[in-house]
Structure formats: structure tokens, C-alpha cells
Amino acid sequence: MSEKIKILYLDDELNNLIGFKATLRLDYIIYTAQNPSEAHAYLDKHPDIRVIFCDQRMPEKTGVEFFEEIRSVHPHPIRILLTAYT
């Protein structure tokens, strides 16, 4: 059996993180972070993370700002920006 893909989800809303992890935990290794600092720590500790989901609207910085910040250090993961704001 092949190794599970590692996914990081950054969102300041705990309920979103819990639901995401509960839904995908059987097929993927899921890491969740509530702030950019926590997300940076996961990326540094797990350089083999393949996909990063990130909320756009967070208190500390936007998802776009976070992705711009990590692009040079962690260029390989697929980056997916999420928003519930309409």
C-alpha cells in the first residue's frame, strides 16, 4: 500500500478544522493549524506535506499573505485558498 498523502489545513475556525480532519482522516494524514505560526511549525517539521489548504480571512494575515510568505521556503506543496466570505 502506498504512503498516505500529508495535508495541512490552516484556518482560525476550530470547527472547520475538526470537520475537515474528521472527513479525510481515513485516507490522508491531516495536520491542522489555527494560526500561521503553527502552520509554519508543521511545514518545518514535515517537509513532505503535499497539499496546503488555507482560509483567506484570518485575524493575523490573509491566506494569500501566508502563501506568499511560504512560497520560497516551501515551493512544492499544492496550495489551495478557501473562503466562506461572499
PDB file of N, CA and C in Angstrom:
ATOM      1  N   MET A   1       0.841  -1.186   0.000  1.00  0.00           N
ATOM      2  CA  MET A   1       0.000   0.000   0.000  1.00  0.00           C
ATOM      3  C   MET A   1       0.885   1.250   0.000  1.00  0.00           C
ATOM      4  N   SER A   2       0.513   2.237  -0.763  1.00  0.00           N
ATOM      5  CA  SER A   2       1.306   3.458  -0.839  1.00  0.00           C
ATOM      6  C   SER A   2       1.110   4.316   0.414  1.00  0.00           C
ATOM      7  N   GLU A   3       2.096   5.156   0.657  1.00  0.00           N
ATOM      8  CA  GLU A   3       2.056   6.038   1.820  1.00  0.00           C
ATOM      9  C   GLU A   3       0.963   7.092   1.651  1.00  0.00           C
ATOM     10  N   LYS A   4       0.297   7.417   2.744  1.00  0.00           N
ATOM     11  CA  LYS A   4      -0.770   8.422   2.697  1.00  0.00           C
ATOM     12  C   LYS A   4      -0.203   9.811   2.432  1.00  0.00           C
ATOM     13  N   ILE A   5      -0.925  10.590   1.648  1.00  0.00           N
ATOM     14  CA  ILE A   5      -0.553  11.972   1.365  1.00  0.00           C
ATOM     15  C   ILE A   5      -0.780  12.808   2.621  1.00  0.00           C
ATOM     16  N   LYS A   6       0.162  13.702   2.897  1.00  0.00           N
ATOM     17  CA  LYS A   6       0.056  14.593   4.056  1.00  0.00           C
ATOM     18  C   LYS A   6      -0.528  15.930   3.617  1.00  0.00           C
ATOM     19  N   ILE A   7      -1.524  16.375   4.378  1.00  0.00           N
ATOM     20  CA  ILE A   7      -2.236  17.622   4.089  1.00  0.00           C
ATOM     21  C   ILE A   7      -2.189  18.514   5.325  1.00  0.00           C
ATOM     22  N   LEU A   8      -1.974  19.798   5.097  1.00  0.00           N
ATOM     23  CA  LEU A   8      -2.044  20.801   6.161  1.00  0.00           C
ATOM     24  C   LEU A   8      -3.223  21.720   5.876  1.00  0.00           C
ATOM     25  N   TYR A   9      -4.040  21.962   6.899  1.00  0.00           N
ATOM     26  CA  TYR A   9      -5.169  22.885   6.767  1.00  0.00           C
ATOM     27  C   TYR A   9      -5.019  23.981   7.808  1.00  0.00           C
ATOM     28  N   LEU A  10      -4.910  25.219   7.352  1.00  0.00           N
ATOM     29  CA  LEU A  10      -4.784  26.394   8.218  1.00  0.00           C
ATOM     30  C   LEU A  10      -6.088  27.173   8.198  1.00  0.00           C
ATOM     31  N   ASP A  11      -6.694  27.316   9.374  1.00  0.00           N
ATOM     32  CA  ASP A  11      -7.958  28.055   9.498  1.00  0.00           C
ATOM     33  C   ASP A  11      -8.090  28.487  10.948  1.00  0.00           C
ATOM     34  N   ASP A  12      -8.537  29.704  11.184  1.00  0.00           N
ATOM     35  CA  ASP A  12      -8.703  30.181  12.556  1.00  0.00           C
ATOM     36  C   ASP A  12      -9.978  29.646  13.205  1.00  0.00           C
ATOM     37  N   GLU A  13     -10.852  29.016  12.429  1.00  0.00           N
ATOM     38  CA  GLU A  13     -12.107  28.459  12.951  1.00  0.00           C
ATOM     39  C   GLU A  13     -11.917  26.983  13.315  1.00  0.00           C
ATOM     40  N   LEU A  14     -11.927  26.684  14.610  1.00  0.00           N
ATOM     41  CA  LEU A  14     -11.686  25.326  15.092  1.00  0.00           C
ATOM     42  C   LEU A  14     -12.688  24.325  14.525  1.00  0.00           C
ATOM     43  N   ASN A  15     -13.957  24.694  14.420  1.00  0.00           N
ATOM     44  CA  ASN A  15     -14.963  23.762  13.900  1.00  0.00           C
ATOM     45  C   ASN A  15     -14.663  23.340  12.466  1.00  0.00           C
ATOM     46  N   ASN A  16     -14.141  24.252  11.654  1.00  0.00           N
ATOM     47  CA  ASN A  16     -13.758  23.902  10.282  1.00  0.00           C
ATOM     48  C   ASN A  16     -12.629  22.877  10.284  1.00  0.00           C
ATOM     49  N   LEU A  17     -11.660  23.078  11.153  1.00  0.00           N
ATOM     50  CA  LEU A  17     -10.531  22.153  11.242  1.00  0.00           C
ATOM     51  C   LEU A  17     -10.982  20.765  11.682  1.00  0.00           C
ATOM     52  N   ILE A  18     -11.850  20.719  12.674  1.00  0.00           N
ATOM     53  CA  ILE A  18     -12.345  19.440  13.186  1.00  0.00           C
ATOM     54  C   ILE A  18     -13.116  18.693  12.107  1.00  0.00           C
ATOM     55  N   GLY A  19     -14.000  19.378  11.415  1.00  0.00           N
ATOM     56  CA  GLY A  19     -14.791  18.747  10.356  1.00  0.00           C
ATOM     57  C   GLY A  19     -13.934  18.246   9.208  1.00  0.00           C
ATOM     58  N   PHE A  20     -12.961  19.045   8.805  1.00  0.00           N
ATOM     59  CA  PHE A  20     -12.052  18.673   7.721  1.00  0.00           C
ATOM     60  C   PHE A  20     -11.292  17.402   8.085  1.00  0.00           C
ATOM     61  N   LYS A  21     -10.729  17.392   9.285  1.00  0.00           N
ATOM     62  CA  LYS A  21      -9.946  16.234   9.727  1.00  0.00           C
ATOM     63  C   LYS A  21     -10.822  14.992   9.860  1.00  0.00           C
ATOM     64  N   ALA A  22     -12.011  15.142  10.407  1.00  0.00           N
ATOM     65  CA  ALA A  22     -12.916  14.004  10.568  1.00  0.00           C
ATOM     66  C   ALA A  22     -13.309  13.407   9.219  1.00  0.00           C
ATOM     67  N   THR A  23     -13.472  14.248   8.230  1.00  0.00           N
ATOM     68  CA  THR A  23     -13.896  13.792   6.909  1.00  0.00           C
ATOM     69  C   THR A  23     -12.785  13.060   6.159  1.00  0.00           C
ATOM     70  N   LEU A  24     -11.554  13.513   6.281  1.00  0.00           N
ATOM     71  CA  LEU A  24     -10.471  12.996   5.436  1.00  0.00           C
ATOM     72  C   LEU A  24      -9.448  12.116   6.147  1.00  0.00           C
ATOM     73  N   ARG A  25      -9.581  11.929   7.450  1.00  0.00           N
ATOM     74  CA  ARG A  25      -8.540  11.269   8.227  1.00  0.00           C
ATOM     75  C   ARG A  25      -8.262   9.821   7.836  1.00  0.00           C
ATOM     76  N   LEU A  26      -9.223   9.132   7.247  1.00  0.00           N
ATOM     77  CA  LEU A  26      -9.004   7.732   6.891  1.00  0.00           C
ATOM     78  C   LEU A  26      -8.124   7.581   5.651  1.00  0.00           C
ATOM     79  N   ASP A  27      -8.160   8.552   4.768  1.00  0.00           N
ATOM     80  CA  ASP A  27      -7.425   8.448   3.507  1.00  0.00           C
ATOM     81  C   ASP A  27      -6.146   9.280   3.453  1.00  0.00           C
ATOM     82  N   TYR A  28      -6.005  10.236   4.357  1.00  0.00           N
ATOM     83  CA  TYR A  28      -4.868  11.151   4.333  1.00  0.00           C
ATOM     84  C   TYR A  28      -4.346  11.368   5.744  1.00  0.00           C
ATOM     85  N   ILE A  29      -3.106  11.820   5.848  1.00  0.00           N
ATOM     86  CA  ILE A  29      -2.570  12.281   7.128  1.00  0.00           C
ATOM     87  C   ILE A  29      -2.859  13.778   7.175  1.00  0.00           C
ATOM     88  N   ILE A  30      -3.644  14.194   8.160  1.00  0.00           N
ATOM     89  CA  ILE A  30      -4.113  15.578   8.238  1.00  0.00           C
ATOM     90  C   ILE A  30      -3.454  16.288   9.418  1.00  0.00           C
ATOM     91  N   TYR A  31      -2.862  17.435   9.129  1.00  0.00           N
ATOM     92  CA  TYR A  31      -2.354  18.335  10.163  1.00  0.00           C
ATOM     93  C   TYR A  31      -3.218  19.590  10.118  1.00  0.00           C
ATOM     94  N   THR A  32      -3.567  20.103  11.283  1.00  0.00           N
ATOM     95  CA  THR A  32      -4.381  21.316  11.330  1.00  0.00           C
ATOM     96  C   THR A  32      -3.678  22.375  12.164  1.00  0.00           C
ATOM     97  N   ALA A  33      -3.843  23.622  11.736  1.00  0.00           N
ATOM     98  CA  ALA A  33      -3.233  24.751  12.439  1.00  0.00           C
ATOM     99  C   ALA A  33      -4.244  25.885  12.514  1.00  0.00           C
ATOM    100  N   GLN A  34      -4.291  26.572  13.650  1.00  0.00           N
ATOM    101  CA  GLN A  34      -5.221  27.689  13.842  1.00  0.00           C
ATOM    102  C   GLN A  34      -4.589  29.042  13.587  1.00  0.00           C
ATOM    103  N   ASN A  35      -3.275  29.068  13.348  1.00  0.00           N
ATOM    104  CA  ASN A  35      -2.618  30.343  13.051  1.00  0.00           C
ATOM    105  C   ASN A  35      -1.388  30.081  12.189  1.00  0.00           C
ATOM    106  N   PRO A  36      -0.882  31.102  11.519  1.00  0.00           N
ATOM    107  CA  PRO A  36       0.268  30.921  10.630  1.00  0.00           C
ATOM    108  C   PRO A  36       1.525  30.389  11.320  1.00  0.00           C
ATOM    109  N   SER A  37       1.762  30.774  12.558  1.00  0.00           N
ATOM    110  CA  SER A  37       2.950  30.283  13.275  1.00  0.00           C
ATOM    111  C   SER A  37       2.900  28.771  13.447  1.00  0.00           C
ATOM    112  N   GLU A  38       1.735  28.280  13.818  1.00  0.00           N
ATOM    113  CA  GLU A  38       1.540  26.842  13.976  1.00  0.00           C
ATOM    114  C   GLU A  38       1.718  26.133  12.630  1.00  0.00           C
ATOM    115  N   ALA A  39       1.202  26.725  11.572  1.00  0.00           N
ATOM    116  CA  ALA A  39       1.338  26.145  10.232  1.00  0.00           C
ATOM    117  C   ALA A  39       2.808  26.085   9.812  1.00  0.00           C
ATOM    118  N   HIS A  40       3.556  27.153  10.090  1.00  0.00           N
ATOM    119  CA  HIS A  40       4.994  27.166   9.782  1.00  0.00           C
ATOM    120  C   HIS A  40       5.702  26.020  10.498  1.00  0.00           C
ATOM    121  N   ALA A  41       5.357  25.788  11.752  1.00  0.00           N
ATOM    122  CA  ALA A  41       5.990  24.720  12.529  1.00  0.00           C
ATOM    123  C   ALA A  41       5.725  23.359  11.894  1.00  0.00           C
ATOM    124  N   TYR A  42       4.491  23.116  11.457  1.00  0.00           N
ATOM    125  CA  TYR A  42       4.177  21.849  10.785  1.00  0.00           C
ATOM    126  C   TYR A  42       4.965  21.710   9.489  1.00  0.00           C
ATOM    127  N   LEU A  43       5.046  22.770   8.705  1.00  0.00           N
ATOM    128  CA  LEU A  43       5.781  22.705   7.437  1.00  0.00           C
ATOM    129  C   LEU A  43       7.267  22.448   7.664  1.00  0.00           C
ATOM    130  N   ASP A  44       7.833  23.044   8.695  1.00  0.00           N
ATOM    131  CA  ASP A  44       9.243  22.823   9.004  1.00  0.00           C
ATOM    132  C   ASP A  44       9.491  21.398   9.497  1.00  0.00           C
ATOM    133  N   LYS A  45       8.564  20.879  10.290  1.00  0.00           N
ATOM    134  CA  LYS A  45       8.709  19.537  10.852  1.00  0.00           C
ATOM    135  C   LYS A  45       8.372  18.452   9.834  1.00  0.00           C
ATOM    136  N   HIS A  46       7.476  18.745   8.898  1.00  0.00           N
ATOM    137  CA  HIS A  46       7.015  17.764   7.911  1.00  0.00           C
ATOM    138  C   HIS A  46       7.191  18.331   6.496  1.00  0.00           C
ATOM    139  N   PRO A  47       8.419  18.359   5.990  1.00  0.00           N
ATOM    140  CA  PRO A  47       8.649  18.937   4.659  1.00  0.00           C
ATOM    141  C   PRO A  47       8.005  18.144   3.529  1.00  0.00           C
ATOM    142  N   ASP A  48       7.487  16.961   3.846  1.00  0.00           N
ATOM    143  CA  ASP A  48       6.825  16.140   2.830  1.00  0.00           C
ATOM    144  C   ASP A  48       5.314  16.397   2.745  1.00  0.00           C
ATOM    145  N   ILE A  49       4.820  17.453   3.386  1.00  0.00           N
ATOM    146  CA  ILE A  49       3.412  17.842   3.221  1.00  0.00           C
ATOM    147  C   ILE A  49       3.203  18.177   1.755  1.00  0.00           C
ATOM    148  N   ARG A  50       2.166  17.581   1.164  1.00  0.00           N
ATOM    149  CA  ARG A  50       1.951  17.726  -0.283  1.00  0.00           C
ATOM    150  C   ARG A  50       0.906  18.763  -0.653  1.00  0.00           C
ATOM    151  N   VAL A  51      -0.062  19.006   0.252  1.00  0.00           N
ATOM    152  CA  VAL A  51      -1.158  19.931  -0.058  1.00  0.00           C
ATOM    153  C   VAL A  51      -1.389  20.827   1.152  1.00  0.00           C
ATOM    154  N   ILE A  52      -1.600  22.117   0.893  1.00  0.00           N
ATOM    155  CA  ILE A  52      -1.923  23.067   1.960  1.00  0.00           C
ATOM    156  C   ILE A  52      -3.235  23.753   1.607  1.00  0.00           C
ATOM    157  N   PHE A  53      -4.216  23.594   2.473  1.00  0.00           N
ATOM    158  CA  PHE A  53      -5.467  24.345   2.382  1.00  0.00           C
ATOM    159  C   PHE A  53      -5.352  25.499   3.365  1.00  0.00           C
ATOM    160  N   CYS A  54      -5.806  26.673   2.969  1.00  0.00           N
ATOM    161  CA  CYS A  54      -5.699  27.827   3.857  1.00  0.00           C
ATOM    162  C   CYS A  54      -6.913  28.730   3.692  1.00  0.00           C
ATOM    163  N   ASP A  55      -7.468  29.151   4.809  1.00  0.00           N
ATOM    164  CA  ASP A  55      -8.565  30.116   4.804  1.00  0.00           C
ATOM    165  C   ASP A  55      -8.020  31.479   4.385  1.00  0.00           C
ATOM    166  N   GLN A  56      -8.787  32.231   3.646  1.00  0.00           N
ATOM    167  CA  GLN A  56      -8.359  33.561   3.208  1.00  0.00           C
ATOM    168  C   GLN A  56      -8.456  34.589   4.332  1.00  0.00           C
ATOM    169  N   ARG A  57      -9.553  34.567   5.096  1.00  0.00           N
ATOM    170  CA  ARG A  57      -9.796  35.607   6.109  1.00  0.00           C
ATOM    171  C   ARG A  57      -9.458  35.079   7.498  1.00  0.00           C
ATOM    172  N   MET A  58      -8.306  35.537   8.013  1.00  0.00           N
ATOM    173  CA  MET A  58      -7.865  35.169   9.352  1.00  0.00           C
ATOM    174  C   MET A  58      -7.395  36.439  10.059  1.00  0.00           C
ATOM    175  N   PRO A  59      -7.375  36.444  11.388  1.00  0.00           N
ATOM    176  CA  PRO A  59      -7.020  37.661  12.125  1.00  0.00           C
ATOM    177  C   PRO A  59      -5.585  38.149  11.896  1.00  0.00           C
ATOM    178  N   GLU A  60      -4.617  37.238  11.854  1.00  0.00           N
ATOM    179  CA  GLU A  60      -3.210  37.648  11.778  1.00  0.00           C
ATOM    180  C   GLU A  60      -2.778  38.078  10.387  1.00  0.00           C
ATOM    181  N   LYS A  61      -3.212  37.350   9.375  1.00  0.00           N
ATOM    182  CA  LYS A  61      -2.862  37.659   7.988  1.00  0.00           C
ATOM    183  C   LYS A  61      -3.804  36.898   7.075  1.00  0.00           C
ATOM    184  N   THR A  62      -3.849  37.301   5.827  1.00  0.00           N
ATOM    185  CA  THR A  62      -4.725  36.617   4.876  1.00  0.00           C
ATOM    186  C   THR A  62      -4.052  35.336   4.389  1.00  0.00           C
ATOM    187  N   GLY A  63      -4.863  34.479   3.797  1.00  0.00           N
ATOM    188  CA  GLY A  63      -4.321  33.263   3.205  1.00  0.00           C
ATOM    189  C   GLY A  63      -3.334  33.565   2.093  1.00  0.00           C
ATOM    190  N   VAL A  64      -3.620  34.575   1.282  1.00  0.00           N
ATOM    191  CA  VAL A  64      -2.705  34.972   0.208  1.00  0.00           C
ATOM    192  C   VAL A  64      -1.365  35.412   0.800  1.00  0.00           C
ATOM    193  N   GLU A  65      -1.403  36.192   1.865  1.00  0.00           N
ATOM    194  CA  GLU A  65      -0.162  36.624   2.524  1.00  0.00           C
ATOM    195  C   GLU A  65       0.628  35.426   3.053  1.00  0.00           C
ATOM    196  N   PHE A  66      -0.081  34.464   3.643  1.00  0.00           N
ATOM    197  CA  PHE A  66       0.585  33.263   4.154  1.00  0.00           C
ATOM    198  C   PHE A  66       1.256  32.497   3.017  1.00  0.00           C
ATOM    199  N   PHE A  67       0.542  32.300   1.917  1.00  0.00           N
ATOM    200  CA  PHE A  67       1.116  31.571   0.785  1.00  0.00           C
ATOM    201  C   PHE A  67       2.318  32.306   0.191  1.00  0.00           C
ATOM    202  N   GLU A  68       2.239  33.623   0.104  1.00  0.00           N
ATOM    203  CA  GLU A  68       3.381  34.404  -0.393  1.00  0.00           C
ATOM    204  C   GLU A  68       4.587  34.239   0.532  1.00  0.00           C
ATOM    205  N   GLU A  69       4.317  34.192   1.825  1.00  0.00           N
ATOM    206  CA  GLU A  69       5.364  34.073   2.835  1.00  0.00           C
ATOM    207  C   GLU A  69       6.098  32.731   2.747  1.00  0.00           C
ATOM    208  N   ILE A  70       5.379  31.651   2.457  1.00  0.00           N
ATOM    209  CA  ILE A  70       5.997  30.316   2.460  1.00  0.00           C
ATOM    210  C   ILE A  70       6.517  29.881   1.094  1.00  0.00           C
ATOM    211  N   ARG A  71       6.157  30.604   0.052  1.00  0.00           N
ATOM    212  CA  ARG A  71       6.460  30.167  -1.320  1.00  0.00           C
ATOM    213  C   ARG A  71       7.941  29.862  -1.544  1.00  0.00           C
ATOM    214  N   SER A  72       8.839  30.686  -1.065  1.00  0.00           N
ATOM    215  CA  SER A  72      10.266  30.464  -1.333  1.00  0.00           C
ATOM    216  C   SER A  72      10.854  29.330  -0.492  1.00  0.00           C
ATOM    217  N   VAL A  73      10.345  29.142   0.706  1.00  0.00           N
ATOM    218  CA  VAL A  73      10.878  28.109   1.600  1.00  0.00           C
ATOM    219  C   VAL A  73      10.228  26.749   1.346  1.00  0.00           C
ATOM    220  N   HIS A  74       8.944  26.753   1.020  1.00  0.00           N
ATOM    221  CA  HIS A  74       8.184  25.521   0.772  1.00  0.00           C
ATOM    222  C   HIS A  74       7.475  25.641  -0.581  1.00  0.00           C
ATOM    223  N   PRO A  75       8.219  25.545  -1.688  1.00  0.00           N
ATOM    224  CA  PRO A  75       7.620  25.792  -3.005  1.00  0.00           C
ATOM    225  C   PRO A  75       6.827  24.619  -3.581  1.00  0.00           C
ATOM    226  N   HIS A  76       6.984  23.420  -3.040  1.00  0.00           N
ATOM    227  CA  HIS A  76       6.425  22.242  -3.694  1.00  0.00           C
ATOM    228  C   HIS A  76       4.976  21.890  -3.361  1.00  0.00           C
ATOM    229  N   PRO A  77       4.487  22.134  -2.156  1.00  0.00           N
ATOM    230  CA  PRO A  77       3.097  21.735  -1.893  1.00  0.00           C
ATOM    231  C   PRO A  77       2.103  22.471  -2.798  1.00  0.00           C
ATOM    232  N   ILE A  78       1.051  21.773  -3.140  1.00  0.00           N
ATOM    233  CA  ILE A  78      -0.077  22.395  -3.833  1.00  0.00           C
ATOM    234  C   ILE A  78      -0.754  23.303  -2.819  1.00  0.00           C
ATOM    235  N   ARG A  79      -1.096  24.520  -3.217  1.00  0.00           N
ATOM    236  CA  ARG A  79      -1.706  25.496  -2.308  1.00  0.00           C
ATOM    237  C   ARG A  79      -3.128  25.785  -2.767  1.00  0.00           C
ATOM    238  N   ILE A  80      -4.083  25.614  -1.843  1.00  0.00           N
ATOM    239  CA  ILE A  80      -5.498  25.827  -2.148  1.00  0.00           C
ATOM    240  C   ILE A  80      -6.059  26.835  -1.161  1.00  0.00           C
ATOM    241  N   LEU A  81      -6.583  27.926  -1.684  1.00  0.00           N
ATOM    242  CA  LEU A  81      -7.144  29.003  -0.869  1.00  0.00           C
ATOM    243  C   LEU A  81      -8.648  28.798  -0.734  1.00  0.00           C
ATOM    244  N   LEU A  82      -9.142  28.861   0.503  1.00  0.00           N
ATOM    245  CA  LEU A  82     -10.569  28.680   0.777  1.00  0.00           C
ATOM    246  C   LEU A  82     -11.148  29.951   1.377  1.00  0.00           C
ATOM    247  N   THR A  83     -12.414  30.192   1.101  1.00  0.00           N
ATOM    248  CA  THR A  83     -13.104  31.290   1.770  1.00  0.00           C
ATOM    249  C   THR A  83     -14.592  30.993   1.830  1.00  0.00           C
ATOM    250  N   ALA A  84     -15.203  31.369   2.933  1.00  0.00           N
ATOM    251  CA  ALA A  84     -16.651  31.262   3.072  1.00  0.00           C
ATOM    252  C   ALA A  84     -17.277  32.639   2.925  1.00  0.00           C
ATOM    253  N   TYR A  85     -16.434  33.651   2.787  1.00  0.00           N
ATOM    254  CA  TYR A  85     -16.888  35.034   2.674  1.00  0.00           C
ATOM    255  C   TYR A  85     -17.460  35.284   1.284  1.00  0.00           C
ATOM    256  N   THR A  86     -18.666  35.866   1.238  1.00  0.00           N
ATOM    257  CA  THR A  86     -19.269  36.157  -0.075  1.00  0.00           C
ATOM    258  C   THR A  86     -19.663  37.606  -0.176  1.00  0.00           C
TER     259      THR A  86
END
